[in-house]
Structure formats: C-alpha cells, structure tokens
N, C-alpha and C. Protein backbone atom coordinates (compact mmCIF):
# COMPACT_ATOMS: atom_id res chain seq x y z
N UNK A 1 -11.57 12.71 -5.07
CA UNK A 1 -12.35 11.83 -6.95
C UNK A 1 -12.14 10.40 -6.99
N UNK A 2 -12.02 10.13 -6.12
CA UNK A 2 -12.71 8.16 -5.47
C UNK A 2 -13.35 8.51 -7.28
N UNK A 3 -14.55 9.21 -7.48
CA UNK A 3 -15.76 9.09 -9.00
C UNK A 3 -14.67 8.97 -9.83
N UNK A 4 -13.70 9.05 -10.29
CA UNK A 4 -13.02 9.14 -11.36
C UNK A 4 -12.42 7.69 -10.99
N UNK A 5 -12.44 7.08 -11.39
CA UNK A 5 -11.53 5.51 -10.91
C UNK A 5 -12.96 5.34 -10.87
N UNK A 6 -12.31 3.70 -11.66
CA UNK A 6 -14.05 3.18 -12.28
C UNK A 6 -14.70 1.72 -10.68
N UNK A 7 -14.81 1.25 -10.76
CA UNK A 7 -15.03 0.34 -9.58
C UNK A 7 -14.41 -0.43 -9.93
N UNK A 8 -14.41 -1.42 -10.22
CA UNK A 8 -13.12 -2.17 -10.54
C UNK A 8 -11.85 -1.79 -10.31
N UNK A 9 -11.58 -0.82 -10.44
CA UNK A 9 -9.93 -0.57 -10.26
C UNK A 9 -10.28 0.16 -8.38
N UNK A 10 -10.75 0.27 -8.02
CA UNK A 10 -10.94 1.05 -6.63
C UNK A 10 -9.70 0.38 -5.85
N UNK A 11 -10.36 -1.54 -5.44
CA UNK A 11 -9.14 -1.87 -4.44
C UNK A 11 -7.68 -1.90 -5.01
N UNK A 12 -7.37 -2.76 -6.04
CA UNK A 12 -6.23 -2.14 -6.85
C UNK A 12 -5.47 -0.96 -6.65
N UNK A 13 -5.79 0.32 -6.78
CA UNK A 13 -5.57 1.37 -6.31
C UNK A 13 -4.96 1.74 -4.43
N UNK A 14 -6.68 0.94 -4.03
CA UNK A 14 -6.03 1.86 -1.99
C UNK A 14 -5.11 0.42 -1.71
N UNK A 15 -4.50 -0.91 -2.00
CA UNK A 15 -3.44 -1.38 -2.06
C UNK A 15 -2.60 -0.71 -2.52
N UNK A 16 -2.49 -0.05 -3.51
CA UNK A 16 -1.08 0.55 -4.19
C UNK A 16 -0.73 1.22 -3.32
N UNK A 17 -2.08 2.25 -2.47
CA UNK A 17 -1.06 3.42 -1.49
C UNK A 17 -1.23 3.24 -0.11
N UNK A 18 -1.67 2.33 0.18
CA UNK A 18 -1.53 1.50 1.18
C UNK A 18 -0.07 0.65 0.94
N UNK A 19 0.16 0.15 -0.04
CA UNK A 19 1.70 0.05 -0.07
C UNK A 19 2.36 1.22 0.11
N UNK A 20 2.17 2.30 -0.30
CA UNK A 20 2.91 3.39 -0.74
C UNK A 20 3.61 3.11 -2.23
N UNK A 21 2.87 2.75 -3.02
CA UNK A 21 4.09 2.50 -4.19
C UNK A 21 3.39 3.46 -5.46
N UNK A 22 1.98 4.13 -5.14
CA UNK A 22 1.24 5.67 -5.34
C UNK A 22 1.59 6.51 -4.74
N UNK A 23 1.20 8.19 -5.05
CA UNK A 23 1.41 9.15 -4.07
C UNK A 23 -0.32 9.45 -4.19
N UNK A 24 -0.24 9.37 -3.50
CA UNK A 24 -1.83 10.93 -3.04
C UNK A 24 -0.95 12.04 -2.27
N UNK A 25 -2.00 13.34 -2.96
CA UNK A 25 -1.85 14.60 -1.84
C UNK A 25 -2.92 14.69 -1.31
N UNK A 26 -2.40 15.02 -0.24
CA UNK A 26 -3.07 15.59 0.11
C UNK A 26 -3.16 16.98 0.96
N UNK A 27 -4.62 17.56 1.53
CA UNK A 27 -4.84 18.89 1.87
C UNK A 27 -5.42 18.69 3.46
N UNK A 28 -5.58 19.80 3.72
CA UNK A 28 -6.70 20.44 5.38
C UNK A 28 -7.32 21.55 4.83
N UNK A 29 -8.89 20.83 5.27
CA UNK A 29 -9.97 22.02 5.33
C UNK A 29 -10.09 21.75 6.73
N UNK A 30 -10.76 23.12 6.96
CA UNK A 30 -11.62 24.07 8.46
C UNK A 30 -12.12 24.66 8.38
N UNK A 31 -13.44 24.49 8.47
CA UNK A 31 -13.66 26.39 8.28
C UNK A 31 -14.29 26.51 9.35
N UNK A 32 -14.40 28.08 9.55
CA UNK A 32 -14.28 29.00 10.65
C UNK A 32 -14.91 28.24 11.82
N UNK A 33 -15.81 27.78 11.68
CA UNK A 33 -16.87 27.37 12.66
C UNK A 33 -16.05 25.66 13.02
N UNK A 34 -16.01 24.99 12.64
CA UNK A 34 -15.75 23.71 12.73
C UNK A 34 -14.64 23.80 13.50
N UNK A 35 -14.41 22.21 14.68
CA UNK A 35 -13.79 22.47 15.71
C UNK A 35 -12.39 21.61 14.97
N UNK A 36 -12.77 20.49 14.19
CA UNK A 36 -11.13 19.52 14.12
C UNK A 36 -11.29 19.68 12.79
N UNK A 37 -10.57 20.25 11.56
CA UNK A 37 -10.26 20.24 10.59
C UNK A 37 -9.73 18.34 9.28
N UNK A 38 -10.93 18.40 8.16
CA UNK A 38 -10.77 17.16 7.14
C UNK A 38 -9.50 17.27 6.62
N UNK A 39 -9.35 15.36 6.62
CA UNK A 39 -8.30 15.78 5.68
C UNK A 39 -8.30 15.14 4.60
N UNK A 40 -7.83 15.39 3.83
CA UNK A 40 -8.50 15.26 2.33
C UNK A 40 -6.91 14.05 2.16
N UNK A 41 -7.53 13.54 0.62
CA UNK A 41 -6.50 12.97 -0.57
C UNK A 41 -7.20 13.00 -1.14
N UNK A 42 -5.57 12.83 -2.51
CA UNK A 42 -6.97 12.81 -3.95
C UNK A 42 -4.90 12.73 -4.57
N UNK A 43 -6.05 11.26 -4.99
CA UNK A 43 -4.69 10.60 -5.94
C UNK A 43 -4.54 10.56 -7.47
N UNK A 44 -5.35 11.23 -8.08
CA UNK A 44 -5.62 12.52 -9.36
C UNK A 44 -5.08 11.78 -10.24
N UNK A 45 -6.39 10.42 -10.65
CA UNK A 45 -6.53 9.59 -11.52
C UNK A 45 -6.17 10.09 -13.29
N UNK A 46 -6.43 11.57 -13.24
CA UNK A 46 -6.84 12.00 -15.01
C UNK A 46 -4.95 12.73 -14.90
N UNK A 47 -4.44 12.79 -14.02
CA UNK A 47 -3.18 13.22 -14.69
C UNK A 47 -2.25 11.66 -14.72
N UNK A 48 -1.37 12.73 -16.36
CA UNK A 48 0.04 12.36 -16.92
C UNK A 48 1.04 11.96 -16.18
N UNK A 49 1.28 10.48 -16.01
CA UNK A 49 2.64 10.19 -15.12
C UNK A 49 4.16 10.54 -15.47
N UNK A 50 4.74 11.26 -15.29
CA UNK A 50 6.21 10.96 -15.38
C UNK A 50 7.25 9.69 -15.48
N UNK A 51 8.75 9.46 -16.20
CA UNK A 51 8.90 9.00 -16.61
C UNK A 51 9.68 7.87 -15.09
N UNK A 52 9.76 9.39 -13.98
CA UNK A 52 10.91 9.19 -12.61
C UNK A 52 9.71 8.42 -12.05
N UNK A 53 8.75 9.69 -12.11
CA UNK A 53 7.08 8.69 -11.47
C UNK A 53 6.87 7.51 -11.45
N UNK A 54 6.65 7.32 -12.47
CA UNK A 54 6.68 5.58 -12.81
C UNK A 54 7.79 4.95 -12.51
N UNK A 55 8.90 5.23 -12.71
CA UNK A 55 10.52 4.47 -12.03
C UNK A 55 10.23 4.72 -10.62
N UNK A 56 9.77 5.44 -10.14
CA UNK A 56 9.39 5.23 -8.55
C UNK A 56 9.02 4.39 -8.07
N UNK A 57 7.59 3.70 -8.90
CA UNK A 57 6.02 3.31 -8.90
C UNK A 57 6.47 2.06 -8.76
N UNK A 58 7.99 1.38 -10.03
CA UNK A 58 7.60 0.36 -10.13
C UNK A 58 8.84 -0.06 -9.59
N UNK A 59 9.69 0.32 -8.84
CA UNK A 59 10.80 0.61 -8.02
C UNK A 59 10.17 -0.22 -6.62
N UNK A 60 9.66 1.04 -6.11
CA UNK A 60 8.40 0.33 -5.04
C UNK A 60 7.90 -1.19 -4.80
N UNK A 61 6.96 -0.67 -5.50
CA UNK A 61 6.19 -2.56 -6.13
C UNK A 61 7.07 -3.94 -5.97
N UNK A 62 8.20 -3.44 -7.43
CA UNK A 62 8.97 -4.43 -7.24
C UNK A 62 10.13 -5.46 -6.09
N UNK A 63 9.94 -3.99 -5.50
CA UNK A 63 10.85 -4.53 -4.07
C UNK A 63 10.23 -4.91 -2.45
N UNK A 64 8.76 -4.78 -2.88
CA UNK A 64 7.56 -5.21 -1.71
C UNK A 64 8.10 -6.84 -1.20
N UNK A 65 8.32 -6.48 -0.10
CA UNK A 65 8.65 -7.78 0.36
C UNK A 65 7.13 -8.65 1.56
N UNK A 66 6.23 -8.68 1.49
CA UNK A 66 5.24 -9.83 2.22
C UNK A 66 5.24 -10.08 3.70
N UNK A 67 5.47 -9.60 4.77
CA UNK A 67 6.55 -10.86 6.03
C UNK A 67 4.48 -11.02 6.34
N UNK A 68 5.10 -12.44 7.50
CA UNK A 68 4.00 -12.81 8.14
C UNK A 68 3.63 -12.34 9.70
N UNK A 69 2.96 -12.26 10.58
CA UNK A 69 2.93 -12.11 11.86
C UNK A 69 2.79 -13.03 12.58
N UNK A 70 1.94 -14.61 11.58
CA UNK A 70 1.54 -15.53 13.00
C UNK A 70 2.19 -16.44 12.02
N UNK A 71 2.70 -17.65 12.58
CA UNK A 71 2.59 -18.84 12.08
C UNK A 71 1.86 -20.03 12.23
N UNK A 72 1.78 -20.74 11.56
CA UNK A 72 0.92 -22.13 12.41
C UNK A 72 1.99 -23.35 12.26
N UNK A 73 2.05 -24.14 13.18
CA UNK A 73 2.77 -25.14 12.99
C UNK A 73 1.88 -26.51 12.64
N UNK A 74 2.36 -27.56 12.22
CA UNK A 74 1.38 -28.72 11.75
C UNK A 74 2.73 -29.88 11.86
N UNK A 75 2.41 -31.29 12.77
CA UNK A 75 3.18 -31.81 13.29
C UNK A 75 2.43 -33.12 12.66
N UNK A 76 3.38 -33.33 12.29
CA UNK A 76 3.06 -34.98 11.36
C UNK A 76 4.08 -35.81 11.52
N UNK A 77 3.65 -37.28 11.44
CA UNK A 77 4.16 -38.11 12.78
C UNK A 77 5.49 -38.67 13.21
N UNK A 78 5.84 -38.72 13.63
CA UNK A 78 6.57 -38.82 14.62
C UNK A 78 8.04 -38.87 14.11
N UNK A 79 8.29 -38.92 12.66
CA UNK A 79 9.51 -39.00 12.13
C UNK A 79 9.22 -37.26 11.36
N UNK A 80 8.49 -37.32 10.64
CA UNK A 80 8.92 -35.78 9.85
C UNK A 80 8.02 -34.77 10.61
N UNK A 81 8.28 -33.88 10.31
CA UNK A 81 7.80 -31.74 10.89
C UNK A 81 7.52 -31.37 9.86
N UNK A 82 6.35 -30.50 9.40
CA UNK A 82 6.48 -29.81 8.52
C UNK A 82 6.08 -28.23 9.66
N UNK A 83 6.68 -27.60 8.88
CA UNK A 83 5.87 -26.28 9.52
C UNK A 83 5.37 -25.43 8.43
N UNK A 84 4.28 -24.88 7.64
CA UNK A 84 3.86 -24.24 7.51
C UNK A 84 2.98 -23.01 8.13
N UNK A 85 3.65 -21.48 6.46
CA UNK A 85 3.41 -20.04 7.32
C UNK A 85 2.17 -19.70 6.52
N UNK A 86 1.05 -18.29 7.26
CA UNK A 86 -0.44 -19.22 7.27
C UNK A 86 -0.06 -17.56 7.39
N UNK A 87 0.30 -17.06 6.10
CA UNK A 87 -0.21 -14.97 6.54
C UNK A 87 -1.25 -14.19 5.90
N UNK A 88 -1.63 -13.65 7.03
CA UNK A 88 -2.51 -13.29 8.20
C UNK A 88 -2.70 -11.49 8.13
N UNK A 89 -1.59 -11.09 7.76
CA UNK A 89 -0.70 -9.93 7.73
C UNK A 89 0.14 -9.65 7.13
N UNK A 90 0.29 -8.44 6.40
CA UNK A 90 0.85 -8.25 5.50
C UNK A 90 2.00 -6.60 5.65
N UNK A 91 3.19 -6.40 5.35
CA UNK A 91 3.43 -5.73 5.57
C UNK A 91 4.56 -5.21 4.37
N UNK A 92 5.30 -3.54 4.31
CA UNK A 92 5.84 -3.03 3.55
C UNK A 92 7.39 -2.79 3.96
N UNK A 93 9.09 -3.68 3.45
CA UNK A 93 9.20 -3.02 3.59
C UNK A 93 10.51 -2.92 2.65
N UNK A 94 10.11 -1.22 2.83
CA UNK A 94 10.61 -0.47 1.81
C UNK A 94 11.98 0.49 2.06
N UNK A 95 12.09 1.46 1.04
CA UNK A 95 13.41 2.28 1.29
C UNK A 95 12.92 3.45 1.58
N UNK A 96 12.06 4.24 2.47
CA UNK A 96 11.52 4.84 1.85
C UNK A 96 11.96 6.63 2.30
N UNK A 97 12.04 7.65 1.25
CA UNK A 97 11.34 7.80 0.38
C UNK A 97 12.22 7.68 -0.93
N UNK A 98 13.99 7.39 -0.44
CA UNK A 98 14.41 7.15 -1.59
C UNK A 98 14.55 5.71 -1.83
N UNK A 99 13.37 5.08 -2.59
CA UNK A 99 13.51 3.25 -3.48
C UNK A 99 15.16 3.12 -3.69
N UNK A 100 15.97 3.77 -4.00
CA UNK A 100 17.04 3.73 -4.47
C UNK A 100 18.38 2.74 -4.11
N UNK A 101 18.64 3.07 -2.62
CA UNK A 101 19.27 2.84 -1.22
C UNK A 101 19.00 1.15 -1.67
C-alpha cells in the first residue's frame, strides 16, 4: 500500500514506523513451491483512526527520547573545556506495548 502514501510524506511515515509511533499490519505469504516466506507490512493510510489509536500515537511521539551513541570532546584553551555532543544515531526509549507506564 506504499502507492497510497503521497511521495512527500513517505519519509515521515517511515520514521514514525521505525520509531514505533504508528502501527503496521504484518502478514506472511508463502507459495507452495517457495523456499522462504515473504513478510509484507501494510500501513493502511486510508483507514480511519480511533481516539484510542491517536492517543497511543500521541503518547509515543511525546515520550520519544533521542539518545546519542557517540560524543565528541572539543578542548578550548587551558582554562575552559567544552564538551560538545554530536548525534549520530537515534534510539527510542518507551514503555512498549503500554505507553502509559
């Protein structure tokens, strides 16, 4: 169903799915002569969103915490030292599957 998502919104939808803010429906398909199954994911962009689904998505997005795995230290003259942080990788700290914990 990726053709139903406008091109300009696809990166944002992918980020929301990667951060587990929005849910997708997974299915497993395997033909009679296939050696390995194929996993497909559907976003269902045309589906109506219930109040409960919206509340979960809003809670997950508001509690998203981005953490850096690498930091860089930059030294200034002898009297001062400043630690600068460069974000190179993002992670999500959340209480899944119950966002209300």
